[in-house]
Amino acid sequence: MTSKKEYGNESISSLKGADRVRQRPAVIFGSDGLEGCEHSILEIISNSIDEAREGFGKQIVVTKYSDDSVEVNDSGRGIPVEYNHSEQRWNWELVFCELYAGGKYNNDENESYEYSLGLNGLGLCSTQYASEYMDTEIHRDGMCYTLHFEHGKNIGGLKKKKYSGTDTGTKIRWKPDIAVFTDIHVPDEYYCDTLKRQAIVNDGISFIFRSRKEDGSFVEQKFLYQNGIVDHAKEIAGSDFLTPVQYWQAQRRVRDRSDKPEYNVK
């Protein structure tokens, strides 16, 4: 019988950097299988939705390539990537390489996001860590910024050049790593179902899904509900309904406990 290794002071170790996600993806994404991979994709889409909800851009394009890589393109403000004097670090390092770093922690009404899908500063960094590669192009402040990552590590630092266009936004293309997830073959149905659901609850925001086939062609579907859930209810009812659709909406500032800060609910 093989003797067990002694459990002593040197037996304790910690995961660092990208290994915190790559070796234990289920902690962040809930699974190391297909569901976890799908969750990682939703994290990137959610960031674009948060921008559109705040009034920055009305179209989000999600492209699935035949090699299972994914691209999300929005026309938001563009991720801030320059030097952060408060944190004494570059913002691109914080956003892409640091867990629990983000712009959605402050609940103040005048902060960057009034409502958001992502709150924990985990999604973009975790998805980057769990990717085979990730390429990012950001337009903001008259500049075009690019970043490249492989297996959770940055290659080449931040590159930037003058940009003459007037558009702003973020484009991220990455491939979930099969070394991290047991399955990365996310079906088209997942994208269509997810984007349709988001279109219903985010009225006026256009979601376009493009799926590239082996022959290089794209199949494209668009999801847009100008009146949100009202249009969806009419879509379900068709012409066979008893009464017109009734819709109520409310929003207010609430707090979880008397000594906790207020935040917006809708």
Protein backbone atom coordinates (compact mmCIF):
# COMPACT_ATOMS: atom_id res chain seq x y z
CA MET A 1 0.00 0.00 0.00
CA THR A 2 1.41 3.37 -1.05
CA SER A 3 2.01 5.67 1.89
CA LYS A 4 0.22 9.01 1.80
CA LYS A 5 2.25 12.17 1.41
CA GLU A 6 2.61 14.10 4.63
CA TYR A 7 0.12 16.94 5.06
CA GLY A 8 2.34 19.70 6.40
CA ASN A 9 3.01 23.42 6.11
CA GLU A 10 4.33 23.11 2.55
CA SER A 11 1.16 21.32 1.42
CA ILE A 12 -0.82 24.57 1.20
CA SER A 13 -0.70 26.36 -2.16
CA SER A 14 -2.69 28.99 -4.02
CA LEU A 15 -3.73 29.58 -7.61
CA LYS A 16 -2.49 32.79 -9.16
CA GLY A 17 -3.31 34.85 -12.22
CA ALA A 18 -5.15 33.08 -15.02
CA ASP A 19 -4.89 29.71 -13.24
CA ARG A 20 -7.57 30.89 -10.79
CA VAL A 21 -10.05 30.54 -13.64
CA ARG A 22 -8.37 28.09 -16.00
CA GLN A 23 -7.99 25.36 -13.39
CA ARG A 24 -11.34 25.98 -11.67
CA PRO A 25 -13.73 27.49 -14.26
CA ALA A 26 -16.82 26.13 -12.51
CA VAL A 27 -16.23 28.51 -9.58
CA ILE A 28 -16.84 31.49 -11.88
CA PHE A 29 -19.03 30.09 -14.65
CA GLY A 30 -20.93 27.42 -12.73
CA SER A 31 -19.61 24.58 -14.88
CA ASP A 32 -16.53 23.46 -16.77
CA GLY A 33 -18.80 22.06 -19.51
CA LEU A 34 -20.88 23.61 -22.26
CA GLU A 35 -23.05 25.55 -19.79
CA GLY A 36 -19.97 27.26 -18.38
CA CYS A 37 -18.76 28.14 -21.85
CA GLU A 38 -22.15 29.63 -22.68
CA HIS A 39 -22.06 31.63 -19.44
CA SER A 40 -18.68 33.09 -20.40
CA ILE A 41 -20.10 34.27 -23.72
CA LEU A 42 -23.08 35.90 -22.00
CA GLU A 43 -20.68 37.85 -19.76
CA ILE A 44 -19.21 39.67 -22.77
CA ILE A 45 -22.60 40.28 -24.35
CA SER A 46 -23.85 41.66 -21.01
CA ASN A 47 -21.16 44.36 -20.99
CA SER A 48 -22.37 45.59 -24.38
CA ILE A 49 -25.98 45.50 -23.20
CA ASP A 50 -25.07 47.61 -20.17
CA GLU A 51 -23.63 50.28 -22.48
CA ALA A 52 -26.71 50.27 -24.70
CA ARG A 53 -29.01 50.49 -21.66
CA GLU A 54 -27.26 53.68 -20.66
CA GLY A 55 -27.96 55.16 -24.10
CA PHE A 56 -24.62 54.47 -25.76
CA GLY A 57 -25.28 52.56 -28.95
CA LYS A 58 -28.44 50.83 -30.10
CA GLN A 59 -26.99 47.84 -31.93
CA ILE A 60 -25.02 44.81 -30.73
CA VAL A 61 -23.62 42.35 -33.26
CA VAL A 62 -22.67 38.84 -32.14
CA THR A 63 -20.80 36.65 -34.62
CA LYS A 64 -20.11 32.95 -34.23
CA TYR A 65 -17.35 31.61 -36.47
CA SER A 66 -16.99 28.06 -37.76
CA ASP A 67 -14.00 27.43 -35.47
CA ASP A 68 -16.18 28.23 -32.39
CA SER A 69 -14.60 31.63 -31.85
CA VAL A 70 -17.00 34.46 -31.00
CA GLU A 71 -17.05 38.19 -31.71
CA VAL A 72 -19.13 40.82 -29.92
CA ASN A 73 -19.21 44.30 -31.43
CA ASP A 74 -20.98 47.30 -29.89
CA SER A 75 -21.11 51.06 -30.37
CA GLY A 76 -20.80 52.04 -26.74
CA ARG A 77 -18.29 54.43 -25.22
CA GLY A 78 -15.40 51.99 -25.55
CA ILE A 79 -13.66 50.39 -22.57
CA PRO A 80 -11.31 52.85 -20.80
CA VAL A 81 -7.79 51.42 -21.12
CA GLU A 82 -5.43 54.30 -20.29
CA TYR A 83 -3.55 54.81 -17.02
CA ASN A 84 -5.65 54.94 -13.84
CA HIS A 85 -3.97 57.24 -11.33
CA SER A 86 -6.32 56.23 -8.50
CA GLU A 87 -5.37 52.57 -8.86
CA GLN A 88 -1.79 53.25 -10.00
CA ARG A 89 -2.26 50.75 -12.83
CA TRP A 90 -3.35 50.69 -16.46
CA ASN A 91 -7.08 50.26 -16.87
CA TRP A 92 -6.62 47.57 -19.50
CA GLU A 93 -4.75 45.50 -16.91
CA LEU A 94 -7.52 46.01 -14.37
CA VAL A 95 -10.36 45.19 -16.77
CA PHE A 96 -8.82 42.28 -18.64
CA CYS A 97 -6.43 40.80 -16.07
CA GLU A 98 -7.78 41.55 -12.59
CA LEU A 99 -10.74 39.78 -11.03
CA TYR A 100 -13.20 42.04 -9.17
CA ALA A 101 -12.13 45.17 -11.08
CA GLY A 102 -14.84 47.09 -12.91
CA GLY A 103 -16.94 50.22 -13.20
CA LYS A 104 -20.20 48.97 -11.68
CA TYR A 105 -19.60 48.88 -7.94
CA ASN A 106 -20.83 52.35 -7.04
CA ASN A 107 -24.62 52.56 -6.63
CA ASP A 108 -24.70 56.36 -6.86
CA GLU A 109 -27.23 57.74 -9.36
CA ASN A 110 -24.54 59.76 -11.15
CA GLU A 111 -22.14 56.89 -11.71
CA SER A 112 -21.37 55.22 -15.06
CA TYR A 113 -24.16 52.63 -14.90
CA GLU A 114 -27.65 53.11 -13.47
CA TYR A 115 -28.68 49.51 -14.20
CA SER A 116 -26.42 46.66 -15.23
CA LEU A 117 -26.35 42.94 -15.92
CA GLY A 118 -22.76 42.64 -14.73
CA LEU A 119 -21.93 43.78 -11.20
CA ASN A 120 -18.98 41.80 -9.91
CA GLY A 121 -16.05 42.83 -12.10
CA LEU A 122 -15.54 39.21 -13.10
CA GLY A 123 -16.98 38.59 -16.55
CA LEU A 124 -14.49 40.09 -19.00
CA CYS A 125 -11.39 39.11 -17.04
CA SER A 126 -12.65 35.57 -16.42
CA THR A 127 -13.59 35.06 -20.05
CA GLN A 128 -10.19 36.36 -21.13
CA TYR A 129 -8.50 33.98 -18.71
CA ALA A 130 -10.57 31.06 -20.06
CA SER A 131 -9.85 31.80 -23.72
CA GLU A 132 -7.41 30.26 -26.17
CA TYR A 133 -6.94 33.77 -27.50
CA MET A 134 -8.68 37.13 -27.27
CA ASP A 135 -8.32 40.14 -29.55
CA THR A 136 -9.80 43.49 -28.64
CA GLU A 137 -10.25 46.69 -30.64
CA ILE A 138 -11.52 49.79 -28.86
CA HIS A 139 -12.45 53.18 -30.33
CA ARG A 140 -12.63 56.09 -27.90
CA ASP A 141 -11.12 59.54 -27.34
CA GLY A 142 -10.01 59.74 -30.98
CA MET A 143 -7.82 56.67 -30.60
CA CYS A 144 -7.90 53.04 -31.74
CA TYR A 145 -6.59 50.68 -29.05
CA THR A 146 -5.78 47.02 -29.61
CA LEU A 147 -4.88 44.20 -27.22
CA HIS A 148 -3.99 40.55 -27.79
CA PHE A 149 -4.10 37.73 -25.23
CA GLU A 150 -3.21 34.05 -25.39
CA HIS A 151 -4.18 31.50 -22.73
CA GLY A 152 -4.89 34.26 -20.24
CA LYS A 153 -1.70 36.26 -20.81
CA ASN A 154 -1.22 39.54 -22.62
CA ILE A 155 1.09 39.51 -25.62
CA GLY A 156 2.65 42.79 -26.73
CA GLY A 157 0.99 45.23 -24.35
CA LEU A 158 -1.42 48.01 -25.30
CA LYS A 159 -1.10 49.35 -28.84
CA LYS A 160 -2.75 52.56 -29.93
CA LYS A 161 -2.95 54.88 -32.91
CA LYS A 162 -4.92 57.94 -33.95
CA TYR A 163 -8.40 57.18 -35.21
CA SER A 164 -10.09 59.58 -37.61
CA GLY A 165 -13.56 58.05 -37.38
CA THR A 166 -16.30 59.46 -35.19
CA ASP A 167 -17.69 56.13 -33.99
CA THR A 168 -16.88 54.67 -30.59
CA GLY A 169 -17.24 51.17 -29.24
CA THR A 170 -15.63 47.86 -28.37
CA LYS A 171 -15.06 44.79 -30.52
CA ILE A 172 -13.89 41.60 -28.84
CA ARG A 173 -13.14 38.34 -30.62
CA TRP A 174 -12.04 35.30 -28.66
CA LYS A 175 -12.10 31.53 -28.69
CA PRO A 176 -13.11 29.64 -25.54
CA ASP A 177 -10.28 27.27 -24.65
CA ILE A 178 -11.02 23.56 -24.99
CA ALA A 179 -8.30 23.06 -22.38
CA VAL A 180 -10.54 24.92 -19.90
CA PHE A 181 -14.04 23.79 -20.93
CA THR A 182 -14.89 20.21 -21.85
CA ASP A 183 -17.09 21.45 -24.72
CA ILE A 184 -16.96 24.75 -26.63
CA HIS A 185 -19.38 23.92 -29.48
CA VAL A 186 -22.09 26.40 -28.52
CA PRO A 187 -25.11 25.86 -30.82
CA ASP A 188 -26.72 28.65 -32.81
CA GLU A 189 -29.92 28.07 -30.84
CA TYR A 190 -28.26 29.28 -27.65
CA TYR A 191 -27.27 32.58 -29.25
CA CYS A 192 -30.68 33.11 -30.84
CA ASP A 193 -32.56 32.31 -27.63
CA THR A 194 -30.29 34.53 -25.52
CA LEU A 195 -30.37 37.50 -27.89
CA LYS A 196 -34.13 37.28 -28.38
CA ARG A 197 -34.70 37.26 -24.62
CA GLN A 198 -32.44 40.28 -24.22
CA ALA A 199 -34.15 42.11 -27.08
CA ILE A 200 -37.53 41.59 -25.39
CA VAL A 201 -36.42 43.12 -22.09
CA ASN A 202 -34.28 45.86 -23.67
CA ASP A 203 -36.70 47.73 -25.90
CA GLY A 204 -35.26 49.55 -28.88
CA ILE A 205 -31.90 47.76 -28.82
CA SER A 206 -31.12 45.77 -31.96
CA PHE A 207 -29.36 42.42 -31.57
CA ILE A 208 -27.87 40.85 -34.69
CA PHE A 209 -26.61 37.27 -34.70
CA ARG A 210 -24.32 36.16 -37.50
CA SER A 211 -23.25 32.53 -37.86
CA ARG A 212 -20.43 31.76 -40.27
CA LYS A 213 -20.63 28.47 -42.10
CA GLU A 214 -17.88 26.23 -43.47
CA ASP A 215 -18.22 27.76 -46.96
CA GLY A 216 -17.51 31.23 -45.55
CA SER A 217 -21.07 32.54 -45.86
CA PHE A 218 -23.00 34.07 -42.98
CA VAL A 219 -26.53 33.34 -41.82
CA GLU A 220 -27.91 36.44 -40.11
CA GLN A 221 -30.84 36.95 -37.74
CA LYS A 222 -32.02 40.20 -36.19
CA PHE A 223 -33.91 40.62 -32.92
CA LEU A 224 -35.54 43.98 -32.22
CA TYR A 225 -38.57 44.82 -30.09
CA GLN A 226 -39.16 48.56 -30.26
CA ASN A 227 -41.75 48.34 -27.48
CA GLY A 228 -40.08 45.54 -25.58
CA ILE A 229 -42.30 43.04 -23.82
CA VAL A 230 -45.45 44.67 -25.23
CA ASP A 231 -44.41 43.69 -28.75
CA HIS A 232 -43.53 40.21 -27.52
CA ALA A 233 -46.97 39.78 -25.95
CA LYS A 234 -48.57 40.83 -29.24
CA GLU A 235 -46.28 38.43 -31.08
CA ILE A 236 -47.49 35.54 -28.92
CA ALA A 237 -51.17 36.51 -29.03
CA GLY A 238 -51.28 37.23 -32.73
CA SER A 239 -54.74 38.34 -33.83
CA ASP A 240 -56.52 36.10 -31.33
CA PHE A 241 -56.71 38.18 -28.13
CA LEU A 242 -59.52 39.22 -25.80
CA THR A 243 -58.15 42.57 -24.60
CA PRO A 244 -55.35 44.95 -25.62
CA VAL A 245 -51.99 44.46 -23.94
CA GLN A 246 -51.73 46.26 -20.59
CA TYR A 247 -48.26 47.38 -19.53
CA TRP A 248 -47.07 48.97 -16.30
CA GLN A 249 -43.57 50.00 -15.35
CA ALA A 250 -42.09 51.48 -12.18
CA GLN A 251 -38.66 52.40 -10.93
CA ARG A 252 -37.41 53.59 -7.59
CA ARG A 253 -34.45 53.85 -5.23
CA VAL A 254 -34.37 51.07 -2.63
CA ARG A 255 -31.99 49.65 -0.05
CA ASP A 256 -31.59 46.15 1.34
CA ARG A 257 -31.25 47.39 4.91
CA SER A 258 -31.50 50.74 6.64
CA ASP A 259 -27.71 51.09 6.92
CA LYS A 260 -27.03 49.95 3.33
CA PRO A 261 -26.65 52.31 0.33
CA GLU A 262 -29.54 52.87 -2.05
CA TYR A 263 -29.64 51.52 -5.58
CA ASN A 264 -32.01 51.62 -8.54
CA VAL A 265 -34.59 48.95 -9.30
CA LYS A 266 -36.90 48.90 -12.29
